[in-house]
């Protein structure tokens, strides 16, 4: 069996930065170290960090008395304001690409534009961005979410950083046909876009695609969807143990790709398990 692994495997820059910051703080901490929500969408890596002392809290009120890491996806405006009132020390682990999206969203608002955010409902990055809007904002997760406002309304449209380039382009095209003044900002992370391209290329070369990452990771789930449209034999797993129930009989070439919040150690375990299977 031949294993083809993409170069863009493992942590993206933003998640790598967050993990390094967490480990540095944990190593030198004299107070409890919290993260406001899971630091990233990978339960195994979150569990590894918890063994080092990182405590996940889901409410900012429960973070009093310690250093609190603001996770890669960002923080709600209300949570940030409350943290200031409570005197909570925050450590910024927000992905720089998410910060760029927030800056662009606020800029659109100050320009008097109505903002259209293309993203997944309920995703923590999307929830955070929505909370920082300056003026009207609409979440677009499907084509029929585009509102019917005055065609002369000035629109600013941007995307969740892990959105599909194809879907965002489709939404920009649709919005541009309905409104006369549209400014589209490219806020999809280059890493996410590259992984999507790599996934499409990889899927054409192999008999099976193994996508590694958290089941609650939006970018990993999207990556699996993209691969599956080209290679139906695509599986999305979080750990090497999940390969136990999967038949690899007759598979000559396996493609291995990961989401942005998947650590190298998990990918290495899966690669080792695959290499021991004769196919």
C-alpha atoms as a PDB file:
ATOM      1  CA  UNK A   1       0.000   0.000   0.000  1.00  0.00           C
ATOM      2  CA  UNK A   2       1.255   3.451  -0.940  1.00  0.00           C
ATOM      3  CA  UNK A   3       0.465   6.365   1.384  1.00  0.00           C
ATOM      4  CA  UNK A   4       0.391   9.853  -0.113  1.00  0.00           C
ATOM      5  CA  UNK A   5       0.380  12.569   2.534  1.00  0.00           C
ATOM      6  CA  UNK A   6      -0.191  16.204   1.662  1.00  0.00           C
ATOM      7  CA  UNK A   7       2.440  18.767   2.627  1.00  0.00           C
ATOM      8  CA  UNK A   8      -0.197  20.925   4.314  1.00  0.00           C
ATOM      9  CA  UNK A   9      -0.836  18.411   7.124  1.00  0.00           C
ATOM     10  CA  UNK A  10      -0.766  19.213  10.831  1.00  0.00           C
ATOM     11  CA  UNK A  11      -1.501  22.455  12.622  1.00  0.00           C
ATOM     12  CA  UNK A  12      -2.061  25.645  10.693  1.00  0.00           C
ATOM     13  CA  UNK A  13      -0.107  28.725  11.789  1.00  0.00           C
ATOM     14  CA  UNK A  14      -2.901  30.054  14.016  1.00  0.00           C
ATOM     15  CA  UNK A  15      -3.455  26.813  15.947  1.00  0.00           C
ATOM     16  CA  UNK A  16       0.285  26.173  16.277  1.00  0.00           C
ATOM     17  CA  UNK A  17       0.677  29.671  17.720  1.00  0.00           C
ATOM     18  CA  UNK A  18      -2.178  29.061  20.197  1.00  0.00           C
ATOM     19  CA  UNK A  19      -0.740  25.745  21.396  1.00  0.00           C
ATOM     20  CA  UNK A  20       2.742  27.226  21.834  1.00  0.00           C
ATOM     21  CA  UNK A  21       1.285  30.131  23.822  1.00  0.00           C
ATOM     22  CA  UNK A  22      -0.710  27.750  26.021  1.00  0.00           C
ATOM     23  CA  UNK A  23       2.331  25.590  26.764  1.00  0.00           C
ATOM     24  CA  UNK A  24       4.500  28.626  27.584  1.00  0.00           C
ATOM     25  CA  UNK A  25       1.891  29.998  29.998  1.00  0.00           C
ATOM     26  CA  UNK A  26       1.340  26.580  31.608  1.00  0.00           C
ATOM     27  CA  UNK A  27       5.056  26.135  32.129  1.00  0.00           C
ATOM     28  CA  UNK A  28       5.413  29.431  33.986  1.00  0.00           C
ATOM     29  CA  UNK A  29       1.981  29.761  35.589  1.00  0.00           C
ATOM     30  CA  UNK A  30       1.547  30.501  39.280  1.00  0.00           C
ATOM     31  CA  UNK A  31      -2.237  30.697  39.000  1.00  0.00           C
ATOM     32  CA  UNK A  32      -4.802  28.449  37.283  1.00  0.00           C
ATOM     33  CA  UNK A  33      -4.748  28.608  33.485  1.00  0.00           C
ATOM     34  CA  UNK A  34      -8.119  28.539  31.741  1.00  0.00           C
ATOM     35  CA  UNK A  35      -9.257  28.532  28.146  1.00  0.00           C
ATOM     36  CA  UNK A  36     -12.602  30.098  27.344  1.00  0.00           C
ATOM     37  CA  UNK A  37     -14.057  27.142  25.493  1.00  0.00           C
ATOM     38  CA  UNK A  38     -11.824  24.483  23.887  1.00  0.00           C
ATOM     39  CA  UNK A  39      -8.648  26.099  22.562  1.00  0.00           C
ATOM     40  CA  UNK A  40      -9.253  24.437  19.178  1.00  0.00           C
ATOM     41  CA  UNK A  41     -11.619  21.858  17.703  1.00  0.00           C
ATOM     42  CA  UNK A  42      -9.595  18.741  18.402  1.00  0.00           C
ATOM     43  CA  UNK A  43     -10.668  16.786  21.454  1.00  0.00           C
ATOM     44  CA  UNK A  44      -7.470  14.696  21.684  1.00  0.00           C
ATOM     45  CA  UNK A  45      -5.191  17.744  21.646  1.00  0.00           C
ATOM     46  CA  UNK A  46      -7.452  19.507  24.144  1.00  0.00           C
ATOM     47  CA  UNK A  47      -7.182  16.434  26.381  1.00  0.00           C
ATOM     48  CA  UNK A  48      -3.365  16.469  26.061  1.00  0.00           C
ATOM     49  CA  UNK A  49      -3.236  20.117  27.129  1.00  0.00           C
ATOM     50  CA  UNK A  50      -5.641  19.448  29.996  1.00  0.00           C
ATOM     51  CA  UNK A  51      -3.166  16.903  31.374  1.00  0.00           C
ATOM     52  CA  UNK A  52      -0.619  19.725  31.444  1.00  0.00           C
ATOM     53  CA  UNK A  53      -3.028  21.816  33.504  1.00  0.00           C
ATOM     54  CA  UNK A  54      -5.175  23.753  31.017  1.00  0.00           C
ATOM     55  CA  UNK A  55      -8.725  24.032  32.373  1.00  0.00           C
ATOM     56  CA  UNK A  56     -11.563  24.537  29.891  1.00  0.00           C
ATOM     57  CA  UNK A  57     -14.253  26.929  31.068  1.00  0.00           C
ATOM     58  CA  UNK A  58     -17.411  27.680  29.101  1.00  0.00           C
ATOM     59  CA  UNK A  59     -18.283  30.877  30.949  1.00  0.00           C
ATOM     60  CA  UNK A  60     -16.090  33.943  31.439  1.00  0.00           C
ATOM     61  CA  UNK A  61     -17.464  34.299  34.990  1.00  0.00           C
ATOM     62  CA  UNK A  62     -15.781  30.992  35.844  1.00  0.00           C
ATOM     63  CA  UNK A  63     -12.357  32.314  34.809  1.00  0.00           C
ATOM     64  CA  UNK A  64     -11.815  34.679  37.731  1.00  0.00           C
ATOM     65  CA  UNK A  65      -8.528  34.113  39.533  1.00  0.00           C
ATOM     66  CA  UNK A  66      -6.459  32.799  36.680  1.00  0.00           C
ATOM     67  CA  UNK A  67      -4.954  33.533  33.278  1.00  0.00           C
ATOM     68  CA  UNK A  68      -7.530  32.925  30.528  1.00  0.00           C
ATOM     69  CA  UNK A  69      -6.582  31.972  26.992  1.00  0.00           C
ATOM     70  CA  UNK A  70      -8.918  33.409  24.378  1.00  0.00           C
ATOM     71  CA  UNK A  71      -9.219  30.556  21.895  1.00  0.00           C
ATOM     72  CA  UNK A  72      -8.381  30.646  18.204  1.00  0.00           C
ATOM     73  CA  UNK A  73     -12.002  31.327  17.203  1.00  0.00           C
ATOM     74  CA  UNK A  74     -12.225  34.625  19.087  1.00  0.00           C
ATOM     75  CA  UNK A  75     -14.313  36.004  21.912  1.00  0.00           C
ATOM     76  CA  UNK A  76     -17.807  37.477  22.089  1.00  0.00           C
ATOM     77  CA  UNK A  77     -17.947  41.212  22.663  1.00  0.00           C
ATOM     78  CA  UNK A  78     -20.085  40.612  25.764  1.00  0.00           C
ATOM     79  CA  UNK A  79     -17.534  38.177  27.163  1.00  0.00           C
ATOM     80  CA  UNK A  80     -14.666  40.584  26.543  1.00  0.00           C
ATOM     81  CA  UNK A  81     -16.518  43.458  28.222  1.00  0.00           C
ATOM     82  CA  UNK A  82     -17.346  41.284  31.239  1.00  0.00           C
ATOM     83  CA  UNK A  83     -13.740  40.120  31.513  1.00  0.00           C
ATOM     84  CA  UNK A  84     -12.669  43.763  31.822  1.00  0.00           C
ATOM     85  CA  UNK A  85     -15.199  44.392  34.584  1.00  0.00           C
ATOM     86  CA  UNK A  86     -14.115  41.282  36.470  1.00  0.00           C
ATOM     87  CA  UNK A  87     -10.404  42.052  36.108  1.00  0.00           C
ATOM     88  CA  UNK A  88      -9.646  38.787  34.309  1.00  0.00           C
ATOM     89  CA  UNK A  89      -6.221  38.524  32.712  1.00  0.00           C
ATOM     90  CA  UNK A  90      -6.636  37.466  29.078  1.00  0.00           C
ATOM     91  CA  UNK A  91      -3.992  35.809  26.900  1.00  0.00           C
ATOM     92  CA  UNK A  92      -4.760  36.322  23.226  1.00  0.00           C
ATOM     93  CA  UNK A  93      -4.606  33.068  21.264  1.00  0.00           C
ATOM     94  CA  UNK A  94      -7.003  34.287  18.565  1.00  0.00           C
ATOM     95  CA  UNK A  95      -5.997  33.286  15.057  1.00  0.00           C
ATOM     96  CA  UNK A  96      -4.604  36.336  13.190  1.00  0.00           C
ATOM     97  CA  UNK A  97      -6.907  35.535  10.265  1.00  0.00           C
ATOM     98  CA  UNK A  98      -9.933  35.762  12.557  1.00  0.00           C
ATOM     99  CA  UNK A  99      -8.663  39.118  13.824  1.00  0.00           C
ATOM    100  CA  UNK A 100      -8.398  40.278  10.197  1.00  0.00           C
ATOM    101  CA  UNK A 101     -12.017  39.238   9.589  1.00  0.00           C
ATOM    102  CA  UNK A 102     -13.158  41.127  12.692  1.00  0.00           C
ATOM    103  CA  UNK A 103     -11.271  44.248  11.572  1.00  0.00           C
ATOM    104  CA  UNK A 104     -12.821  44.070   8.094  1.00  0.00           C
ATOM    105  CA  UNK A 105     -16.304  43.503   9.522  1.00  0.00           C
ATOM    106  CA  UNK A 106     -15.979  46.581  11.757  1.00  0.00           C
ATOM    107  CA  UNK A 107     -14.622  48.622   8.856  1.00  0.00           C
ATOM    108  CA  UNK A 108     -17.651  47.764   6.715  1.00  0.00           C
ATOM    109  CA  UNK A 109     -19.900  48.887   9.564  1.00  0.00           C
ATOM    110  CA  UNK A 110     -18.115  52.214   9.963  1.00  0.00           C
ATOM    111  CA  UNK A 111     -18.462  52.770   6.217  1.00  0.00           C
ATOM    112  CA  UNK A 112     -22.224  52.463   6.619  1.00  0.00           C
ATOM    113  CA  UNK A 113     -22.425  49.126   4.845  1.00  0.00           C
ATOM    114  CA  UNK A 114     -24.806  46.351   5.782  1.00  0.00           C
ATOM    115  CA  UNK A 115     -22.650  43.298   6.439  1.00  0.00           C
ATOM    116  CA  UNK A 116     -23.282  39.840   5.025  1.00  0.00           C
ATOM    117  CA  UNK A 117     -21.221  37.169   6.803  1.00  0.00           C
ATOM    118  CA  UNK A 118     -20.999  33.826   4.995  1.00  0.00           C
ATOM    119  CA  UNK A 119     -20.581  31.179   7.659  1.00  0.00           C
ATOM    120  CA  UNK A 120     -21.874  28.232   9.648  1.00  0.00           C
ATOM    121  CA  UNK A 121     -24.627  28.953  12.202  1.00  0.00           C
ATOM    122  CA  UNK A 122     -23.493  28.226  15.760  1.00  0.00           C
ATOM    123  CA  UNK A 123     -19.789  28.077  14.958  1.00  0.00           C
ATOM    124  CA  UNK A 124     -17.828  29.929  17.692  1.00  0.00           C
ATOM    125  CA  UNK A 125     -15.893  32.045  15.164  1.00  0.00           C
ATOM    126  CA  UNK A 126     -19.133  33.112  13.500  1.00  0.00           C
ATOM    127  CA  UNK A 127     -20.812  33.862  16.832  1.00  0.00           C
ATOM    128  CA  UNK A 128     -17.850  35.982  17.885  1.00  0.00           C
ATOM    129  CA  UNK A 129     -17.762  37.931  14.613  1.00  0.00           C
ATOM    130  CA  UNK A 130     -21.504  38.599  14.723  1.00  0.00           C
ATOM    131  CA  UNK A 131     -21.158  40.094  18.204  1.00  0.00           C
ATOM    132  CA  UNK A 132     -18.604  42.681  17.019  1.00  0.00           C
ATOM    133  CA  UNK A 133     -20.723  44.060  14.182  1.00  0.00           C
ATOM    134  CA  UNK A 134     -21.051  47.840  13.874  1.00  0.00           C
ATOM    135  CA  UNK A 135     -24.511  48.195  12.358  1.00  0.00           C
ATOM    136  CA  UNK A 136     -26.780  45.716  10.524  1.00  0.00           C
ATOM    137  CA  UNK A 137     -25.406  42.241   9.875  1.00  0.00           C
ATOM    138  CA  UNK A 138     -26.873  39.104   8.310  1.00  0.00           C
ATOM    139  CA  UNK A 139     -25.554  35.552   8.491  1.00  0.00           C
ATOM    140  CA  UNK A 140     -25.667  33.693   5.173  1.00  0.00           C
ATOM    141  CA  UNK A 141     -25.290  29.926   5.398  1.00  0.00           C
ATOM    142  CA  UNK A 142     -27.451  29.058   2.369  1.00  0.00           C
ATOM    143  CA  UNK A 143     -28.280  30.856  -0.864  1.00  0.00           C
ATOM    144  CA  UNK A 144     -31.845  31.564   0.262  1.00  0.00           C
ATOM    145  CA  UNK A 145     -30.528  33.406   3.342  1.00  0.00           C
ATOM    146  CA  UNK A 146     -29.725  36.490   1.237  1.00  0.00           C
ATOM    147  CA  UNK A 147     -32.257  39.132   2.378  1.00  0.00           C
ATOM    148  CA  UNK A 148     -34.341  41.271   0.027  1.00  0.00           C
ATOM    149  CA  UNK A 149     -33.314  44.786   1.037  1.00  0.00           C
ATOM    150  CA  UNK A 150     -33.344  47.960  -1.041  1.00  0.00           C
ATOM    151  CA  UNK A 151     -31.121  47.188  -4.082  1.00  0.00           C
ATOM    152  CA  UNK A 152     -29.290  50.478  -3.435  1.00  0.00           C
ATOM    153  CA  UNK A 153     -28.165  49.266   0.023  1.00  0.00           C
ATOM    154  CA  UNK A 154     -24.379  49.287   0.335  1.00  0.00           C
ATOM    155  CA  UNK A 155     -23.215  45.758   1.152  1.00  0.00           C
ATOM    156  CA  UNK A 156     -19.968  44.430   2.595  1.00  0.00           C
ATOM    157  CA  UNK A 157     -19.610  40.666   2.324  1.00  0.00           C
ATOM    158  CA  UNK A 158     -16.987  38.479   3.985  1.00  0.00           C
ATOM    159  CA  UNK A 159     -16.583  34.863   5.025  1.00  0.00           C
ATOM    160  CA  UNK A 160     -15.814  32.707   8.004  1.00  0.00           C
ATOM    161  CA  UNK A 161     -12.097  31.956   7.662  1.00  0.00           C
ATOM    162  CA  UNK A 162     -12.645  28.237   6.954  1.00  0.00           C
ATOM    163  CA  UNK A 163     -15.412  28.579   4.376  1.00  0.00           C
ATOM    164  CA  UNK A 164     -15.288  26.935   0.971  1.00  0.00           C
ATOM    165  CA  UNK A 165     -13.922  29.264  -1.718  1.00  0.00           C
ATOM    166  CA  UNK A 166     -16.469  27.889  -4.159  1.00  0.00           C
ATOM    167  CA  UNK A 167     -19.450  28.577  -1.906  1.00  0.00           C
ATOM    168  CA  UNK A 168     -18.219  32.065  -1.015  1.00  0.00           C
ATOM    169  CA  UNK A 169     -17.777  32.906  -4.708  1.00  0.00           C
ATOM    170  CA  UNK A 170     -21.306  31.669  -5.409  1.00  0.00           C
ATOM    171  CA  UNK A 171     -22.684  33.854  -2.612  1.00  0.00           C
ATOM    172  CA  UNK A 172     -20.752  36.937  -3.800  1.00  0.00           C
ATOM    173  CA  UNK A 173     -22.124  36.400  -7.309  1.00  0.00           C
ATOM    174  CA  UNK A 174     -25.677  36.070  -6.002  1.00  0.00           C
ATOM    175  CA  UNK A 175     -25.404  39.148  -3.778  1.00  0.00           C
ATOM    176  CA  UNK A 176     -23.852  41.191  -6.606  1.00  0.00           C
ATOM    177  CA  UNK A 177     -26.833  40.423  -8.862  1.00  0.00           C
ATOM    178  CA  UNK A 178     -29.250  41.624  -6.187  1.00  0.00           C
ATOM    179  CA  UNK A 179     -27.415  44.745  -4.949  1.00  0.00           C
ATOM    180  CA  UNK A 180     -25.784  47.624  -6.815  1.00  0.00           C
ATOM    181  CA  UNK A 181     -22.939  48.427  -4.399  1.00  0.00           C
ATOM    182  CA  UNK A 182     -21.098  45.359  -3.093  1.00  0.00           C
ATOM    183  CA  UNK A 183     -17.633  45.210  -1.578  1.00  0.00           C
ATOM    184  CA  UNK A 184     -16.389  41.625  -1.112  1.00  0.00           C
ATOM    185  CA  UNK A 185     -13.489  40.973   1.256  1.00  0.00           C
ATOM    186  CA  UNK A 186     -11.348  37.865   0.894  1.00  0.00           C
ATOM    187  CA  UNK A 187     -11.190  36.614   4.484  1.00  0.00           C
ATOM    188  CA  UNK A 188     -10.874  32.876   3.894  1.00  0.00           C
ATOM    189  CA  UNK A 189      -7.599  31.717   5.408  1.00  0.00           C
ATOM    190  CA  UNK A 190      -4.954  30.863   2.806  1.00  0.00           C
ATOM    191  CA  UNK A 191      -4.168  27.695   4.738  1.00  0.00           C
ATOM    192  CA  UNK A 192      -7.792  26.540   4.557  1.00  0.00           C
ATOM    193  CA  UNK A 193      -7.936  27.339   0.853  1.00  0.00           C
ATOM    194  CA  UNK A 194      -4.690  25.454   0.184  1.00  0.00           C
ATOM    195  CA  UNK A 195      -5.923  22.391   2.071  1.00  0.00           C
ATOM    196  CA  UNK A 196      -9.096  22.422  -0.019  1.00  0.00           C
ATOM    197  CA  UNK A 197      -7.031  22.547  -3.215  1.00  0.00           C
ATOM    198  CA  UNK A 198      -4.749  19.794  -1.935  1.00  0.00           C
ATOM    199  CA  UNK A 199      -7.770  17.682  -1.022  1.00  0.00           C
ATOM    200  CA  UNK A 200      -9.212  17.939  -4.525  1.00  0.00           C
ATOM    201  CA  UNK A 201      -5.867  17.050  -6.116  1.00  0.00           C
ATOM    202  CA  UNK A 202      -5.222  14.177  -3.717  1.00  0.00           C
ATOM    203  CA  UNK A 203      -8.689  12.687  -4.225  1.00  0.00           C
ATOM    204  CA  UNK A 204      -7.986  12.185  -7.929  1.00  0.00           C
ATOM    205  CA  UNK A 205      -4.853  10.143  -7.243  1.00  0.00           C
ATOM    206  CA  UNK A 206      -5.924   7.561  -4.650  1.00  0.00           C
ATOM    207  CA  UNK A 207      -8.353   4.729  -3.905  1.00  0.00           C
ATOM    208  CA  UNK A 208      -9.158   6.000  -0.414  1.00  0.00           C
ATOM    209  CA  UNK A 209      -8.861   9.399   1.266  1.00  0.00           C
ATOM    210  CA  UNK A 210      -8.326   9.574   5.026  1.00  0.00           C
ATOM    211  CA  UNK A 211      -9.178  13.004   6.419  1.00  0.00           C
ATOM    212  CA  UNK A 212      -7.886  13.454   9.968  1.00  0.00           C
ATOM    213  CA  UNK A 213      -9.364  15.932  12.423  1.00  0.00           C
ATOM    214  CA  UNK A 214     -12.007  16.682  15.011  1.00  0.00           C
ATOM    215  CA  UNK A 215     -15.572  15.737  14.150  1.00  0.00           C
ATOM    216  CA  UNK A 216     -16.553  19.171  15.485  1.00  0.00           C
ATOM    217  CA  UNK A 217     -13.968  20.952  13.317  1.00  0.00           C
ATOM    218  CA  UNK A 218     -15.695  22.965  10.589  1.00  0.00           C
ATOM    219  CA  UNK A 219     -12.635  23.126   8.346  1.00  0.00           C
ATOM    220  CA  UNK A 220     -12.021  19.366   8.641  1.00  0.00           C
ATOM    221  CA  UNK A 221     -15.661  18.470   7.946  1.00  0.00           C
ATOM    222  CA  UNK A 222     -15.622  20.779   4.912  1.00  0.00           C
ATOM    223  CA  UNK A 223     -12.382  19.208   3.723  1.00  0.00           C
ATOM    224  CA  UNK A 224     -13.943  15.749   3.955  1.00  0.00           C
ATOM    225  CA  UNK A 225     -16.998  16.939   1.990  1.00  0.00           C
ATOM    226  CA  UNK A 226     -14.791  18.340  -0.774  1.00  0.00           C
ATOM    227  CA  UNK A 227     -12.733  15.138  -1.013  1.00  0.00           C
ATOM    228  CA  UNK A 228     -15.861  12.981  -1.016  1.00  0.00           C
ATOM    229  CA  UNK A 229     -17.303  14.772  -4.050  1.00  0.00           C
ATOM    230  CA  UNK A 230     -14.287  13.518  -6.043  1.00  0.00           C
ATOM    231  CA  UNK A 231     -13.413  10.266  -4.238  1.00  0.00           C
ATOM    232  CA  UNK A 232     -16.512   8.668  -2.646  1.00  0.00           C
ATOM    233  CA  UNK A 233     -14.232   6.439  -0.585  1.00  0.00           C
ATOM    234  CA  UNK A 234     -13.369   9.220   1.835  1.00  0.00           C
ATOM    235  CA  UNK A 235     -13.370   8.701   5.587  1.00  0.00           C
ATOM    236  CA  UNK A 236     -13.125  11.315   8.340  1.00  0.00           C
ATOM    237  CA  UNK A 237     -11.486  10.051  11.521  1.00  0.00           C
ATOM    238  CA  UNK A 238     -10.085  11.591  14.690  1.00  0.00           C
ATOM    239  CA  UNK A 239      -7.689   8.840  15.795  1.00  0.00           C
ATOM    240  CA  UNK A 240      -5.825   5.752  14.623  1.00  0.00           C
ATOM    241  CA  UNK A 241      -8.166   3.537  16.642  1.00  0.00           C
ATOM    242  CA  UNK A 242     -10.990   4.305  14.220  1.00  0.00           C
ATOM    243  CA  UNK A 243      -9.134   2.461  11.452  1.00  0.00           C
ATOM    244  CA  UNK A 244      -9.763  -0.838  13.251  1.00  0.00           C
ATOM    245  CA  UNK A 245     -13.287  -1.170  11.890  1.00  0.00           C
ATOM    246  CA  UNK A 246     -12.459  -0.087   8.336  1.00  0.00           C
ATOM    247  CA  UNK A 247     -11.610  -2.600   5.608  1.00  0.00           C
ATOM    248  CA  UNK A 248      -8.599  -1.639   3.507  1.00  0.00           C
ATOM    249  CA  UNK A 249      -8.747  -4.722   1.344  1.00  0.00           C
ATOM    250  CA  UNK A 250      -7.835  -3.980  -2.258  1.00  0.00           C
ATOM    251  CA  UNK A 251      -6.684  -0.429  -1.504  1.00  0.00           C
ATOM    252  CA  UNK A 252      -3.410   0.319  -3.302  1.00  0.00           C
ATOM    253  CA  UNK A 253      -3.110   4.070  -2.740  1.00  0.00           C
ATOM    254  CA  UNK A 254      -4.290   5.953   0.361  1.00  0.00           C
ATOM    255  CA  UNK A 255      -4.366   9.736   0.565  1.00  0.00           C
ATOM    256  CA  UNK A 256      -3.745  11.280   3.988  1.00  0.00           C
ATOM    257  CA  UNK A 257      -4.774  14.853   4.729  1.00  0.00           C
ATOM    258  CA  UNK A 258      -5.674  16.742   7.891  1.00  0.00           C
ATOM    259  CA  UNK A 259      -7.677  19.655   9.140  1.00  0.00           C
ATOM    260  CA  UNK A 260      -5.991  22.761  10.533  1.00  0.00           C
ATOM    261  CA  UNK A 261      -6.361  21.769  14.194  1.00  0.00           C
ATOM    262  CA  UNK A 262      -4.879  18.282  13.903  1.00  0.00           C
ATOM    263  CA  UNK A 263      -1.490  17.810  15.631  1.00  0.00           C
ATOM    264  CA  UNK A 264       1.387  15.949  13.990  1.00  0.00           C
ATOM    265  CA  UNK A 265       1.398  13.229  16.637  1.00  0.00           C
ATOM    266  CA  UNK A 266      -2.101  12.064  15.656  1.00  0.00           C
ATOM    267  CA  UNK A 267      -1.241  12.054  11.947  1.00  0.00           C
ATOM    268  CA  UNK A 268       1.927  10.058  12.661  1.00  0.00           C
ATOM    269  CA  UNK A 269      -0.049   7.439  14.616  1.00  0.00           C
ATOM    270  CA  UNK A 270      -2.499   7.049  11.725  1.00  0.00           C
ATOM    271  CA  UNK A 271       0.283   6.895   9.134  1.00  0.00           C
ATOM    272  CA  UNK A 272       2.025   4.182  11.144  1.00  0.00           C
ATOM    273  CA  UNK A 273      -1.188   2.159  11.434  1.00  0.00           C
ATOM    274  CA  UNK A 274      -1.819   2.451   7.681  1.00  0.00           C
ATOM    275  CA  UNK A 275       1.745   1.462   6.809  1.00  0.00           C
ATOM    276  CA  UNK A 276       1.323  -1.817   8.729  1.00  0.00           C
ATOM    277  CA  UNK A 277      -1.694  -2.762   6.616  1.00  0.00           C
ATOM    278  CA  UNK A 278      -0.732  -4.647   3.433  1.00  0.00           C
ATOM    279  CA  UNK A 279      -3.974  -3.612   1.692  1.00  0.00           C
END
